[in-house]
Amino acid sequence: MNSPTVTLIIGDRGAGKTTLCEKLYRRAADRGLDVCGIISYAVFDEADRKVGIDAFTISAGTTVPLARKDGSLRGSRWACYTFSDDAFNDCVRATVQALDEGTDVLILDEIGPLELAVQKGFLPILRFLESSQLPHQTVAVVRPSLHERLKRFFAHSRSRPDIQTVQVSPDNRDRLLGEMFNSDNQFL
């Protein structure tokens, strides 16, 4: 069996990281692969200002409010956001269960300072991955400033995956999608 692959996705705000994750999820699912994880969507108000984040848990098929700037959620705080601890718990529980049952693809959008600095958020998923076999393909969005830290985490995991980094931009995100599938349309 080939080593698992971890693809770390970096890019500026608005570059299309979440769009790429959503397209990867849909293409992998269309190809019959088992996919789990979380895709985090920006929430905007009527004036097109970002006011929060919603989390779509792939294996559960549910979307929940994850973070808001207005303080309306109860839980952890980071920068201008209040995060829902209940939402994190639901996302983590569903994702770890899917990983434990076996899955082909894991998508984590995103791993950030809440996980790597404050030790909260989606950290239990990373802890599970430390001692478990990684799926064939793991895709994780990470801020450029935390890229090396997450890369070291995966490099020292039990699975010893092949790790690659891709930088997404509005100009290359569709091309990257094609590059992440081989000529038989199988996820690399």
C-alpha atoms as a PDB file:
ATOM      1  CA  MET A   1       0.000   0.000   0.000  1.00  0.00           C
ATOM      2  CA  ASN A   2       1.208   3.495  -0.832  1.00  0.00           C
ATOM      3  CA  SER A   3       1.981   5.939   1.932  1.00  0.00           C
ATOM      4  CA  PRO A   4      -0.846   8.304   2.782  1.00  0.00           C
ATOM      5  CA  THR A   5      -0.564  11.780   1.308  1.00  0.00           C
ATOM      6  CA  VAL A   6      -1.114  15.022   3.185  1.00  0.00           C
ATOM      7  CA  THR A   7      -1.730  18.133   1.126  1.00  0.00           C
ATOM      8  CA  LEU A   8      -1.410  21.396   3.026  1.00  0.00           C
ATOM      9  CA  ILE A   9      -3.286  24.231   1.354  1.00  0.00           C
ATOM     10  CA  ILE A  10      -2.111  27.773   1.963  1.00  0.00           C
ATOM     11  CA  GLY A  11      -3.157  31.059   0.409  1.00  0.00           C
ATOM     12  CA  ASP A  12      -4.229  34.600   1.079  1.00  0.00           C
ATOM     13  CA  ARG A  13      -7.695  35.478   2.355  1.00  0.00           C
ATOM     14  CA  GLY A  14     -10.158  35.176  -0.481  1.00  0.00           C
ATOM     15  CA  ALA A  15      -7.780  33.075  -2.595  1.00  0.00           C
ATOM     16  CA  GLY A  16     -10.193  30.173  -2.880  1.00  0.00           C
ATOM     17  CA  LYS A  17      -8.998  27.687  -0.249  1.00  0.00           C
ATOM     18  CA  THR A  18     -12.512  26.786   0.858  1.00  0.00           C
ATOM     19  CA  THR A  19     -13.733  26.722  -2.738  1.00  0.00           C
ATOM     20  CA  LEU A  20     -10.959  24.246  -3.572  1.00  0.00           C
ATOM     21  CA  CYS A  21     -11.865  22.090  -0.531  1.00  0.00           C
ATOM     22  CA  GLU A  22     -15.526  22.028  -1.540  1.00  0.00           C
ATOM     23  CA  LYS A  23     -14.665  21.051  -5.117  1.00  0.00           C
ATOM     24  CA  LEU A  24     -12.267  18.339  -3.869  1.00  0.00           C
ATOM     25  CA  TYR A  25     -14.979  16.953  -1.605  1.00  0.00           C
ATOM     26  CA  ARG A  26     -17.574  16.908  -4.374  1.00  0.00           C
ATOM     27  CA  ARG A  27     -15.261  15.329  -6.936  1.00  0.00           C
ATOM     28  CA  ALA A  28     -14.032  12.675  -4.495  1.00  0.00           C
ATOM     29  CA  ALA A  29     -17.600  11.856  -3.427  1.00  0.00           C
ATOM     30  CA  ASP A  30     -18.714  11.699  -7.074  1.00  0.00           C
ATOM     31  CA  ARG A  31     -15.916   9.161  -7.653  1.00  0.00           C
ATOM     32  CA  GLY A  32     -17.278   6.946  -4.863  1.00  0.00           C
ATOM     33  CA  LEU A  33     -14.607   7.774  -2.283  1.00  0.00           C
ATOM     34  CA  ASP A  34     -15.525   7.987   1.401  1.00  0.00           C
ATOM     35  CA  VAL A  35     -14.896  11.579   2.496  1.00  0.00           C
ATOM     36  CA  CYS A  36     -15.048  13.089   5.968  1.00  0.00           C
ATOM     37  CA  GLY A  37     -13.993  16.315   7.633  1.00  0.00           C
ATOM     38  CA  ILE A  38     -15.070  19.910   7.888  1.00  0.00           C
ATOM     39  CA  ILE A  39     -15.428  22.719   5.375  1.00  0.00           C
ATOM     40  CA  SER A  40     -15.618  26.202   6.916  1.00  0.00           C
ATOM     41  CA  TYR A  41     -17.690  28.769   5.046  1.00  0.00           C
ATOM     42  CA  ALA A  42     -17.470  32.511   5.588  1.00  0.00           C
ATOM     43  CA  VAL A  43     -20.718  34.190   6.618  1.00  0.00           C
ATOM     44  CA  PHE A  44     -21.377  37.707   5.333  1.00  0.00           C
ATOM     45  CA  ASP A  45     -23.896  40.375   6.312  1.00  0.00           C
ATOM     46  CA  GLU A  46     -26.026  42.482   3.943  1.00  0.00           C
ATOM     47  CA  ALA A  47     -23.125  44.889   3.394  1.00  0.00           C
ATOM     48  CA  ASP A  48     -20.879  41.980   2.328  1.00  0.00           C
ATOM     49  CA  ARG A  49     -18.775  42.162   5.527  1.00  0.00           C
ATOM     50  CA  LYS A  50     -17.543  38.886   6.991  1.00  0.00           C
ATOM     51  CA  VAL A  51     -19.366  38.370  10.284  1.00  0.00           C
ATOM     52  CA  GLY A  52     -18.723  34.708  10.997  1.00  0.00           C
ATOM     53  CA  ILE A  53     -17.959  31.170   9.943  1.00  0.00           C
ATOM     54  CA  ASP A  54     -20.260  28.168   9.482  1.00  0.00           C
ATOM     55  CA  ALA A  55     -18.914  24.609   9.601  1.00  0.00           C
ATOM     56  CA  PHE A  56     -20.151  21.904   7.235  1.00  0.00           C
ATOM     57  CA  THR A  57     -19.433  18.464   8.684  1.00  0.00           C
ATOM     58  CA  ILE A  58     -19.090  16.211   5.656  1.00  0.00           C
ATOM     59  CA  SER A  59     -19.891  12.845   7.258  1.00  0.00           C
ATOM     60  CA  ALA A  60     -22.943  14.199   9.108  1.00  0.00           C
ATOM     61  CA  GLY A  61     -24.102  16.393   6.230  1.00  0.00           C
ATOM     62  CA  THR A  62     -24.880  19.229   8.619  1.00  0.00           C
ATOM     63  CA  THR A  63     -23.942  22.906   8.742  1.00  0.00           C
ATOM     64  CA  VAL A  64     -23.737  24.746  12.061  1.00  0.00           C
ATOM     65  CA  PRO A  65     -22.724  28.247  13.176  1.00  0.00           C
ATOM     66  CA  LEU A  66     -19.064  27.924  14.237  1.00  0.00           C
ATOM     67  CA  ALA A  67     -17.910  31.499  14.875  1.00  0.00           C
ATOM     68  CA  ARG A  68     -19.439  34.938  15.072  1.00  0.00           C
ATOM     69  CA  LYS A  69     -18.023  38.411  15.558  1.00  0.00           C
ATOM     70  CA  ASP A  70     -21.075  39.640  17.487  1.00  0.00           C
ATOM     71  CA  GLY A  71     -20.450  37.390  20.508  1.00  0.00           C
ATOM     72  CA  SER A  72     -23.725  35.512  20.007  1.00  0.00           C
ATOM     73  CA  LEU A  73     -22.102  32.082  20.399  1.00  0.00           C
ATOM     74  CA  ARG A  74     -20.922  30.557  23.669  1.00  0.00           C
ATOM     75  CA  GLY A  75     -17.418  29.195  23.787  1.00  0.00           C
ATOM     76  CA  SER A  76     -13.799  29.918  23.036  1.00  0.00           C
ATOM     77  CA  ARG A  77     -12.644  33.343  21.933  1.00  0.00           C
ATOM     78  CA  TRP A  78      -9.905  34.161  19.464  1.00  0.00           C
ATOM     79  CA  ALA A  79      -9.220  37.544  17.949  1.00  0.00           C
ATOM     80  CA  CYS A  80     -12.596  39.082  17.024  1.00  0.00           C
ATOM     81  CA  TYR A  81     -14.527  35.770  17.066  1.00  0.00           C
ATOM     82  CA  THR A  82     -16.465  33.778  19.612  1.00  0.00           C
ATOM     83  CA  PHE A  83     -16.525  30.089  18.683  1.00  0.00           C
ATOM     84  CA  SER A  84     -19.235  27.592  19.539  1.00  0.00           C
ATOM     85  CA  ASP A  85     -17.750  24.832  21.669  1.00  0.00           C
ATOM     86  CA  ASP A  86     -20.876  22.745  20.947  1.00  0.00           C
ATOM     87  CA  ALA A  87     -20.313  23.097  17.207  1.00  0.00           C
ATOM     88  CA  PHE A  88     -16.667  22.092  17.579  1.00  0.00           C
ATOM     89  CA  ASN A  89     -17.690  19.055  19.649  1.00  0.00           C
ATOM     90  CA  ASP A  90     -20.269  17.960  17.057  1.00  0.00           C
ATOM     91  CA  CYS A  91     -17.809  18.403  14.165  1.00  0.00           C
ATOM     92  CA  VAL A  92     -15.044  16.557  16.009  1.00  0.00           C
ATOM     93  CA  ARG A  93     -17.293  13.693  17.109  1.00  0.00           C
ATOM     94  CA  ALA A  94     -18.633  13.034  13.597  1.00  0.00           C
ATOM     95  CA  THR A  95     -15.213  13.340  11.962  1.00  0.00           C
ATOM     96  CA  VAL A  96     -13.376  11.111  14.450  1.00  0.00           C
ATOM     97  CA  GLN A  97     -16.131   8.505  14.157  1.00  0.00           C
ATOM     98  CA  ALA A  98     -15.792   8.516  10.352  1.00  0.00           C
ATOM     99  CA  LEU A  99     -11.995   8.266  10.629  1.00  0.00           C
ATOM    100  CA  ASP A 100     -12.300   5.410  13.103  1.00  0.00           C
ATOM    101  CA  GLU A 101     -14.643   3.535  10.753  1.00  0.00           C
ATOM    102  CA  GLY A 102     -12.279   4.094   7.830  1.00  0.00           C
ATOM    103  CA  THR A 103     -12.383   6.743   5.143  1.00  0.00           C
ATOM    104  CA  ASP A 104     -10.469   7.511   1.966  1.00  0.00           C
ATOM    105  CA  VAL A 105     -10.232  11.288   2.227  1.00  0.00           C
ATOM    106  CA  LEU A 106     -10.099  13.746   5.140  1.00  0.00           C
ATOM    107  CA  ILE A 107     -10.618  17.472   4.569  1.00  0.00           C
ATOM    108  CA  LEU A 108      -9.850  19.940   7.372  1.00  0.00           C
ATOM    109  CA  ASP A 109     -10.720  23.529   6.539  1.00  0.00           C
ATOM    110  CA  GLU A 110      -9.020  25.019   8.519  1.00  0.00           C
ATOM    111  CA  ILE A 111      -6.405  24.349  11.171  1.00  0.00           C
ATOM    112  CA  GLY A 112      -5.359  27.648  12.723  1.00  0.00           C
ATOM    113  CA  PRO A 113      -4.225  29.361  15.881  1.00  0.00           C
ATOM    114  CA  LEU A 114      -7.177  28.046  17.875  1.00  0.00           C
ATOM    115  CA  GLU A 115      -5.826  24.518  17.398  1.00  0.00           C
ATOM    116  CA  LEU A 116      -2.083  25.149  17.278  1.00  0.00           C
ATOM    117  CA  ALA A 117      -1.758  27.983  19.810  1.00  0.00           C
ATOM    118  CA  VAL A 118      -4.737  27.717  22.168  1.00  0.00           C
ATOM    119  CA  GLN A 119      -5.083  23.888  21.973  1.00  0.00           C
ATOM    120  CA  LYS A 120      -8.835  23.982  21.247  1.00  0.00           C
ATOM    121  CA  GLY A 121     -11.100  23.799  18.214  1.00  0.00           C
ATOM    122  CA  PHE A 122     -10.425  20.843  15.917  1.00  0.00           C
ATOM    123  CA  LEU A 123      -7.376  19.785  17.966  1.00  0.00           C
ATOM    124  CA  PRO A 124      -8.991  16.448  19.011  1.00  0.00           C
ATOM    125  CA  ILE A 125      -9.015  15.442  15.341  1.00  0.00           C
ATOM    126  CA  LEU A 126      -5.276  16.091  15.131  1.00  0.00           C
ATOM    127  CA  ARG A 127      -4.735  14.145  18.369  1.00  0.00           C
ATOM    128  CA  PHE A 128      -6.677  11.206  16.920  1.00  0.00           C
ATOM    129  CA  LEU A 129      -4.538  11.329  13.776  1.00  0.00           C
ATOM    130  CA  GLU A 130      -1.311  11.209  15.819  1.00  0.00           C
ATOM    131  CA  SER A 131      -1.878   7.608  16.806  1.00  0.00           C
ATOM    132  CA  SER A 132      -4.101   6.352  13.994  1.00  0.00           C
ATOM    133  CA  GLN A 133      -3.599   5.443  10.381  1.00  0.00           C
ATOM    134  CA  LEU A 134      -4.167   8.469   8.176  1.00  0.00           C
ATOM    135  CA  PRO A 135      -6.654   8.172   5.318  1.00  0.00           C
ATOM    136  CA  HIS A 136      -5.216   7.702   1.827  1.00  0.00           C
ATOM    137  CA  GLN A 137      -5.496  11.471   1.327  1.00  0.00           C
ATOM    138  CA  THR A 138      -5.637  14.258   3.909  1.00  0.00           C
ATOM    139  CA  VAL A 139      -6.181  17.854   2.840  1.00  0.00           C
ATOM    140  CA  ALA A 140      -5.697  20.574   5.455  1.00  0.00           C
ATOM    141  CA  VAL A 141      -6.045  24.321   5.040  1.00  0.00           C
ATOM    142  CA  VAL A 142      -3.558  26.181   7.214  1.00  0.00           C
ATOM    143  CA  ARG A 143      -2.451  29.781   7.505  1.00  0.00           C
ATOM    144  CA  PRO A 144       0.962  30.415   5.961  1.00  0.00           C
ATOM    145  CA  SER A 145       2.308  31.493   9.361  1.00  0.00           C
ATOM    146  CA  LEU A 146       1.401  28.074  10.835  1.00  0.00           C
ATOM    147  CA  HIS A 147       2.303  25.978   7.798  1.00  0.00           C
ATOM    148  CA  GLU A 148       5.658  24.682   9.053  1.00  0.00           C
ATOM    149  CA  ARG A 149       4.195  23.771  12.425  1.00  0.00           C
ATOM    150  CA  LEU A 150       1.408  21.678  10.891  1.00  0.00           C
ATOM    151  CA  LYS A 151       3.868  20.151   8.432  1.00  0.00           C
ATOM    152  CA  ARG A 152       6.054  18.997  11.365  1.00  0.00           C
ATOM    153  CA  PHE A 153       2.986  17.560  13.102  1.00  0.00           C
ATOM    154  CA  PHE A 154       2.142  15.352  10.111  1.00  0.00           C
ATOM    155  CA  ALA A 155       5.809  14.468   9.490  1.00  0.00           C
ATOM    156  CA  HIS A 156       5.992  13.009  13.007  1.00  0.00           C
ATOM    157  CA  SER A 157       2.672  11.175  12.875  1.00  0.00           C
ATOM    158  CA  ARG A 158       2.580   7.392  13.052  1.00  0.00           C
ATOM    159  CA  SER A 159       1.621   7.081   9.361  1.00  0.00           C
ATOM    160  CA  ARG A 160       4.704   8.882   8.002  1.00  0.00           C
ATOM    161  CA  PRO A 161       2.819  10.428   5.069  1.00  0.00           C
ATOM    162  CA  ASP A 162       4.119  12.055   1.935  1.00  0.00           C
ATOM    163  CA  ILE A 163       3.532  15.784   2.517  1.00  0.00           C
ATOM    164  CA  GLN A 164       3.024  18.383  -0.161  1.00  0.00           C
ATOM    165  CA  THR A 165       2.084  22.030   0.016  1.00  0.00           C
ATOM    166  CA  VAL A 166       0.041  23.917  -2.542  1.00  0.00           C
ATOM    167  CA  GLN A 167      -0.550  27.632  -2.608  1.00  0.00           C
ATOM    168  CA  VAL A 168      -3.979  28.475  -3.953  1.00  0.00           C
ATOM    169  CA  SER A 169      -4.984  31.643  -5.722  1.00  0.00           C
ATOM    170  CA  PRO A 170      -8.088  32.630  -7.689  1.00  0.00           C
ATOM    171  CA  ASP A 171      -6.055  32.025 -10.864  1.00  0.00           C
ATOM    172  CA  ASN A 172      -4.904  28.478 -10.072  1.00  0.00           C
ATOM    173  CA  ARG A 173      -7.582  26.841  -7.902  1.00  0.00           C
ATOM    174  CA  ASP A 174      -9.347  25.127 -10.810  1.00  0.00           C
ATOM    175  CA  ARG A 175      -6.034  23.876 -12.204  1.00  0.00           C
ATOM    176  CA  LEU A 176      -5.056  22.581  -8.753  1.00  0.00           C
ATOM    177  CA  LEU A 177      -8.289  20.604  -8.580  1.00  0.00           C
ATOM    178  CA  GLY A 178      -7.354  18.801 -11.799  1.00  0.00           C
ATOM    179  CA  GLU A 179      -3.820  18.162 -10.566  1.00  0.00           C
ATOM    180  CA  MET A 180      -5.083  16.479  -7.400  1.00  0.00           C
ATOM    181  CA  PHE A 181      -6.759  13.743  -9.464  1.00  0.00           C
ATOM    182  CA  ASN A 182      -4.886  11.363 -11.748  1.00  0.00           C
ATOM    183  CA  SER A 183      -5.729  10.596 -15.376  1.00  0.00           C
ATOM    184  CA  ASP A 184      -8.276   7.982 -14.196  1.00  0.00           C
ATOM    185  CA  ASN A 185      -9.985  10.673 -12.071  1.00  0.00           C
ATOM    186  CA  GLN A 186      -8.774   8.986  -8.888  1.00  0.00           C
ATOM    187  CA  PHE A 187      -7.681  11.165  -5.986  1.00  0.00           C
ATOM    188  CA  LEU A 188      -3.896  11.157  -5.708  1.00  0.00           C
END
